[in-house]
Amino acid sequence: MSRKPADGERSATIGYRAQYLVGASLVLDALDGGDLEWIKIADPNIGRVDDLQIATTARVDAFQVKWEQYPEAISFNDLTKENNSAPSLFAQLVDGWQRLKKLYPSKRVVVHLVTNQNPSSTGGILPNIISPPKPYHFAAFVFFTAG
């Protein structure tokens, strides 16, 4: 099935809308915190964590927003494996962190992936951990490490 010319525009709009809504919420929170120094949007020098950067007195937070109209599950492999000769999503986040850390060495740098995809609950590859979650899938791993 071929895509119609407007399909790309609709897909981009879905992603941008999520970026704007997430960004507005985060900026308002930073303003309420009282120590906002600056924000940047679409910074071309930071790699994939360019959707939004927020600097406060002690830290820089950078965000990559991945949003889908019809979200599918995301797996550990989706985060760690190259895709169509592009670096893995995790590698892209690390690259952004390294770039920001060079620019702001005195601040704590934190990168965030914001997505509407849910962690996969099917079996699959997980990192080696001493006490694996039960059941042994990515959703349990995310809950296990976050909890």
C-alpha atoms as a PDB file:
ATOM      1  CA  MET A   1       0.000   0.000   0.000  1.00  0.00           C
ATOM      2  CA  SER A   2       1.475   3.350  -0.975  1.00  0.00           C
ATOM      3  CA  ARG A   3       1.429   6.323   1.326  1.00  0.00           C
ATOM      4  CA  LYS A   4      -0.374   9.501   0.394  1.00  0.00           C
ATOM      5  CA  PRO A   5       1.680  12.728   0.363  1.00  0.00           C
ATOM      6  CA  ALA A   6      -0.133  14.095   3.426  1.00  0.00           C
ATOM      7  CA  ASP A   7       0.587  10.955   5.510  1.00  0.00           C
ATOM      8  CA  GLY A   8       4.077  12.198   6.371  1.00  0.00           C
ATOM      9  CA  GLU A   9       2.714  15.570   7.483  1.00  0.00           C
ATOM     10  CA  ARG A  10       0.097  13.919   9.703  1.00  0.00           C
ATOM     11  CA  SER A  11       2.723  11.653  11.238  1.00  0.00           C
ATOM     12  CA  ALA A  12       5.035  14.601  11.944  1.00  0.00           C
ATOM     13  CA  THR A  13       2.179  16.596  13.467  1.00  0.00           C
ATOM     14  CA  ILE A  14       1.419  13.799  15.927  1.00  0.00           C
ATOM     15  CA  GLY A  15       5.046  13.821  17.110  1.00  0.00           C
ATOM     16  CA  TYR A  16       5.277  17.613  17.302  1.00  0.00           C
ATOM     17  CA  ARG A  17       2.033  17.890  19.252  1.00  0.00           C
ATOM     18  CA  ALA A  18       3.406  15.492  21.863  1.00  0.00           C
ATOM     19  CA  GLN A  19       6.695  17.423  22.002  1.00  0.00           C
ATOM     20  CA  TYR A  20       4.855  20.697  22.556  1.00  0.00           C
ATOM     21  CA  LEU A  21       2.548  19.306  25.246  1.00  0.00           C
ATOM     22  CA  VAL A  22       5.353  17.539  27.110  1.00  0.00           C
ATOM     23  CA  GLY A  23       7.620  20.561  26.715  1.00  0.00           C
ATOM     24  CA  ALA A  24       5.022  23.029  27.969  1.00  0.00           C
ATOM     25  CA  SER A  25       4.399  20.920  31.065  1.00  0.00           C
ATOM     26  CA  LEU A  26       8.116  20.586  31.820  1.00  0.00           C
ATOM     27  CA  VAL A  27       8.812  24.290  31.310  1.00  0.00           C
ATOM     28  CA  LEU A  28       5.909  25.237  33.597  1.00  0.00           C
ATOM     29  CA  ASP A  29       7.274  22.868  36.274  1.00  0.00           C
ATOM     30  CA  ALA A  30      10.716  24.457  35.930  1.00  0.00           C
ATOM     31  CA  LEU A  31       9.228  27.946  36.226  1.00  0.00           C
ATOM     32  CA  ASP A  32       7.353  26.871  39.356  1.00  0.00           C
ATOM     33  CA  GLY A  33      10.633  25.557  40.792  1.00  0.00           C
ATOM     34  CA  GLY A  34      12.054  29.070  40.725  1.00  0.00           C
ATOM     35  CA  ASP A  35      15.548  28.248  39.459  1.00  0.00           C
ATOM     36  CA  LEU A  36      15.068  28.039  35.684  1.00  0.00           C
ATOM     37  CA  GLU A  37      18.106  29.407  33.857  1.00  0.00           C
ATOM     38  CA  TRP A  38      17.244  28.697  30.209  1.00  0.00           C
ATOM     39  CA  ILE A  39      15.468  26.424  27.754  1.00  0.00           C
ATOM     40  CA  LYS A  40      16.454  25.306  24.267  1.00  0.00           C
ATOM     41  CA  ILE A  41      14.316  23.698  21.605  1.00  0.00           C
ATOM     42  CA  ALA A  42      15.635  21.812  18.565  1.00  0.00           C
ATOM     43  CA  ASP A  43      19.308  22.449  19.376  1.00  0.00           C
ATOM     44  CA  PRO A  44      21.271  21.149  16.340  1.00  0.00           C
ATOM     45  CA  ASN A  45      24.453  20.594  18.387  1.00  0.00           C
ATOM     46  CA  ILE A  46      23.116  18.022  20.844  1.00  0.00           C
ATOM     47  CA  GLY A  47      22.202  15.047  18.689  1.00  0.00           C
ATOM     48  CA  ARG A  48      18.973  13.201  19.435  1.00  0.00           C
ATOM     49  CA  VAL A  49      18.118  14.787  22.801  1.00  0.00           C
ATOM     50  CA  ASP A  50      17.332  17.998  20.966  1.00  0.00           C
ATOM     51  CA  ASP A  51      13.556  18.146  21.464  1.00  0.00           C
ATOM     52  CA  LEU A  52      13.869  20.150  24.672  1.00  0.00           C
ATOM     53  CA  GLN A  53      16.612  21.129  27.098  1.00  0.00           C
ATOM     54  CA  ILE A  54      15.937  22.745  30.447  1.00  0.00           C
ATOM     55  CA  ALA A  55      18.721  24.184  32.600  1.00  0.00           C
ATOM     56  CA  THR A  56      18.303  24.941  36.266  1.00  0.00           C
ATOM     57  CA  THR A  57      20.881  26.001  38.802  1.00  0.00           C
ATOM     58  CA  ALA A  58      22.453  22.575  39.241  1.00  0.00           C
ATOM     59  CA  ARG A  59      21.448  20.508  36.216  1.00  0.00           C
ATOM     60  CA  VAL A  60      20.545  20.245  32.565  1.00  0.00           C
ATOM     61  CA  ASP A  61      17.700  17.960  31.526  1.00  0.00           C
ATOM     62  CA  ALA A  62      17.407  16.993  27.867  1.00  0.00           C
ATOM     63  CA  PHE A  63      14.435  15.240  26.322  1.00  0.00           C
ATOM     64  CA  GLN A  64      13.812  13.048  23.305  1.00  0.00           C
ATOM     65  CA  VAL A  65      10.083  12.604  22.686  1.00  0.00           C
ATOM     66  CA  LYS A  66       8.959   9.570  20.661  1.00  0.00           C
ATOM     67  CA  TRP A  67       5.218   9.485  20.124  1.00  0.00           C
ATOM     68  CA  GLU A  68       3.038   7.331  17.920  1.00  0.00           C
ATOM     69  CA  GLN A  69      -0.585   7.726  16.918  1.00  0.00           C
ATOM     70  CA  TYR A  70      -1.090   4.010  17.465  1.00  0.00           C
ATOM     71  CA  PRO A  71       1.644   3.059  19.926  1.00  0.00           C
ATOM     72  CA  GLU A  72       3.155  -0.376  19.800  1.00  0.00           C
ATOM     73  CA  ALA A  73       5.155  -2.055  22.515  1.00  0.00           C
ATOM     74  CA  ILE A  74       8.820  -1.157  22.858  1.00  0.00           C
ATOM     75  CA  SER A  75      11.324  -3.897  23.668  1.00  0.00           C
ATOM     76  CA  PHE A  76      14.802  -3.949  25.137  1.00  0.00           C
ATOM     77  CA  ASN A  77      16.077  -4.683  21.609  1.00  0.00           C
ATOM     78  CA  ASP A  78      14.305  -1.575  20.315  1.00  0.00           C
ATOM     79  CA  LEU A  79      16.436   0.475  22.702  1.00  0.00           C
ATOM     80  CA  THR A  80      19.751  -1.304  22.231  1.00  0.00           C
ATOM     81  CA  LYS A  81      19.987  -2.507  18.620  1.00  0.00           C
ATOM     82  CA  GLU A  82      20.936  -0.492  15.549  1.00  0.00           C
ATOM     83  CA  ASN A  83      18.057   0.240  13.224  1.00  0.00           C
ATOM     84  CA  ASN A  84      18.578   0.668   9.472  1.00  0.00           C
ATOM     85  CA  SER A  85      22.266   1.488  10.001  1.00  0.00           C
ATOM     86  CA  ALA A  86      21.364   4.180  12.572  1.00  0.00           C
ATOM     87  CA  PRO A  87      22.813   3.888  16.076  1.00  0.00           C
ATOM     88  CA  SER A  88      20.567   2.373  18.717  1.00  0.00           C
ATOM     89  CA  LEU A  89      18.229   4.699  20.559  1.00  0.00           C
ATOM     90  CA  PHE A  90      20.237   4.115  23.729  1.00  0.00           C
ATOM     91  CA  ALA A  91      23.482   5.027  21.904  1.00  0.00           C
ATOM     92  CA  GLN A  92      21.834   8.208  20.626  1.00  0.00           C
ATOM     93  CA  LEU A  93      20.802   9.175  24.163  1.00  0.00           C
ATOM     94  CA  VAL A  94      24.331   8.499  25.431  1.00  0.00           C
ATOM     95  CA  ASP A  95      25.770  10.641  22.625  1.00  0.00           C
ATOM     96  CA  GLY A  96      23.488  13.519  23.619  1.00  0.00           C
ATOM     97  CA  TRP A  97      24.500  13.133  27.269  1.00  0.00           C
ATOM     98  CA  GLN A  98      28.194  13.234  26.327  1.00  0.00           C
ATOM     99  CA  ARG A  99      27.743  16.351  24.204  1.00  0.00           C
ATOM    100  CA  LEU A 100      25.864  18.138  26.989  1.00  0.00           C
ATOM    101  CA  LYS A 101      28.380  17.086  29.635  1.00  0.00           C
ATOM    102  CA  LYS A 102      31.181  18.658  27.565  1.00  0.00           C
ATOM    103  CA  LEU A 103      29.209  21.898  27.286  1.00  0.00           C
ATOM    104  CA  TYR A 104      28.121  22.000  30.949  1.00  0.00           C
ATOM    105  CA  PRO A 105      30.765  20.118  32.977  1.00  0.00           C
ATOM    106  CA  SER A 106      29.771  21.699  36.288  1.00  0.00           C
ATOM    107  CA  LYS A 107      26.111  20.640  36.018  1.00  0.00           C
ATOM    108  CA  ARG A 108      24.452  17.268  36.456  1.00  0.00           C
ATOM    109  CA  VAL A 109      23.222  16.191  33.018  1.00  0.00           C
ATOM    110  CA  VAL A 110      20.177  13.937  32.728  1.00  0.00           C
ATOM    111  CA  VAL A 111      18.694  12.711  29.447  1.00  0.00           C
ATOM    112  CA  HIS A 112      15.128  11.473  29.189  1.00  0.00           C
ATOM    113  CA  LEU A 113      13.230   9.385  26.679  1.00  0.00           C
ATOM    114  CA  VAL A 114       9.534  10.283  26.763  1.00  0.00           C
ATOM    115  CA  THR A 115       7.277   7.899  24.847  1.00  0.00           C
ATOM    116  CA  ASN A 116       3.731   6.658  24.747  1.00  0.00           C
ATOM    117  CA  GLN A 117       4.954   3.146  23.958  1.00  0.00           C
ATOM    118  CA  ASN A 118       4.582   0.559  26.700  1.00  0.00           C
ATOM    119  CA  PRO A 119       7.376  -1.862  27.598  1.00  0.00           C
ATOM    120  CA  SER A 120       6.926  -5.207  25.877  1.00  0.00           C
ATOM    121  CA  SER A 121       5.475  -8.021  27.935  1.00  0.00           C
ATOM    122  CA  THR A 122       6.533 -10.754  25.546  1.00  0.00           C
ATOM    123  CA  GLY A 123       9.690 -12.743  26.173  1.00  0.00           C
ATOM    124  CA  GLY A 124      12.911 -11.450  24.771  1.00  0.00           C
ATOM    125  CA  ILE A 125      16.458 -10.417  25.409  1.00  0.00           C
ATOM    126  CA  LEU A 126      17.191  -8.660  28.673  1.00  0.00           C
ATOM    127  CA  PRO A 127      20.473  -7.596  30.233  1.00  0.00           C
ATOM    128  CA  ASN A 128      22.165 -10.013  32.611  1.00  0.00           C
ATOM    129  CA  ILE A 129      21.004  -9.216  36.109  1.00  0.00           C
ATOM    130  CA  ILE A 130      21.531 -11.082  39.349  1.00  0.00           C
ATOM    131  CA  SER A 131      17.858 -11.466  40.266  1.00  0.00           C
ATOM    132  CA  PRO A 132      15.828 -11.399  37.070  1.00  0.00           C
ATOM    133  CA  PRO A 133      12.191 -10.339  37.352  1.00  0.00           C
ATOM    134  CA  LYS A 134       9.406 -12.852  37.117  1.00  0.00           C
ATOM    135  CA  PRO A 135       7.930 -12.989  34.587  1.00  0.00           C
ATOM    136  CA  TYR A 136      11.103 -12.506  32.564  1.00  0.00           C
ATOM    137  CA  HIS A 137      10.195  -9.783  30.045  1.00  0.00           C
ATOM    138  CA  PHE A 138      10.984  -6.118  29.457  1.00  0.00           C
ATOM    139  CA  ALA A 139       7.860  -4.735  31.160  1.00  0.00           C
ATOM    140  CA  ALA A 140       8.722  -6.620  34.370  1.00  0.00           C
ATOM    141  CA  PHE A 141      12.353  -5.488  34.059  1.00  0.00           C
ATOM    142  CA  VAL A 142      11.337  -1.816  33.766  1.00  0.00           C
ATOM    143  CA  PHE A 143       9.014  -2.137  36.752  1.00  0.00           C
ATOM    144  CA  PHE A 144      11.665  -4.097  38.688  1.00  0.00           C
ATOM    145  CA  THR A 145      14.398  -1.483  38.114  1.00  0.00           C
ATOM    146  CA  ALA A 146      12.116   1.525  38.617  1.00  0.00           C
ATOM    147  CA  GLY A 147      10.476   0.180  41.740  1.00  0.00           C
END
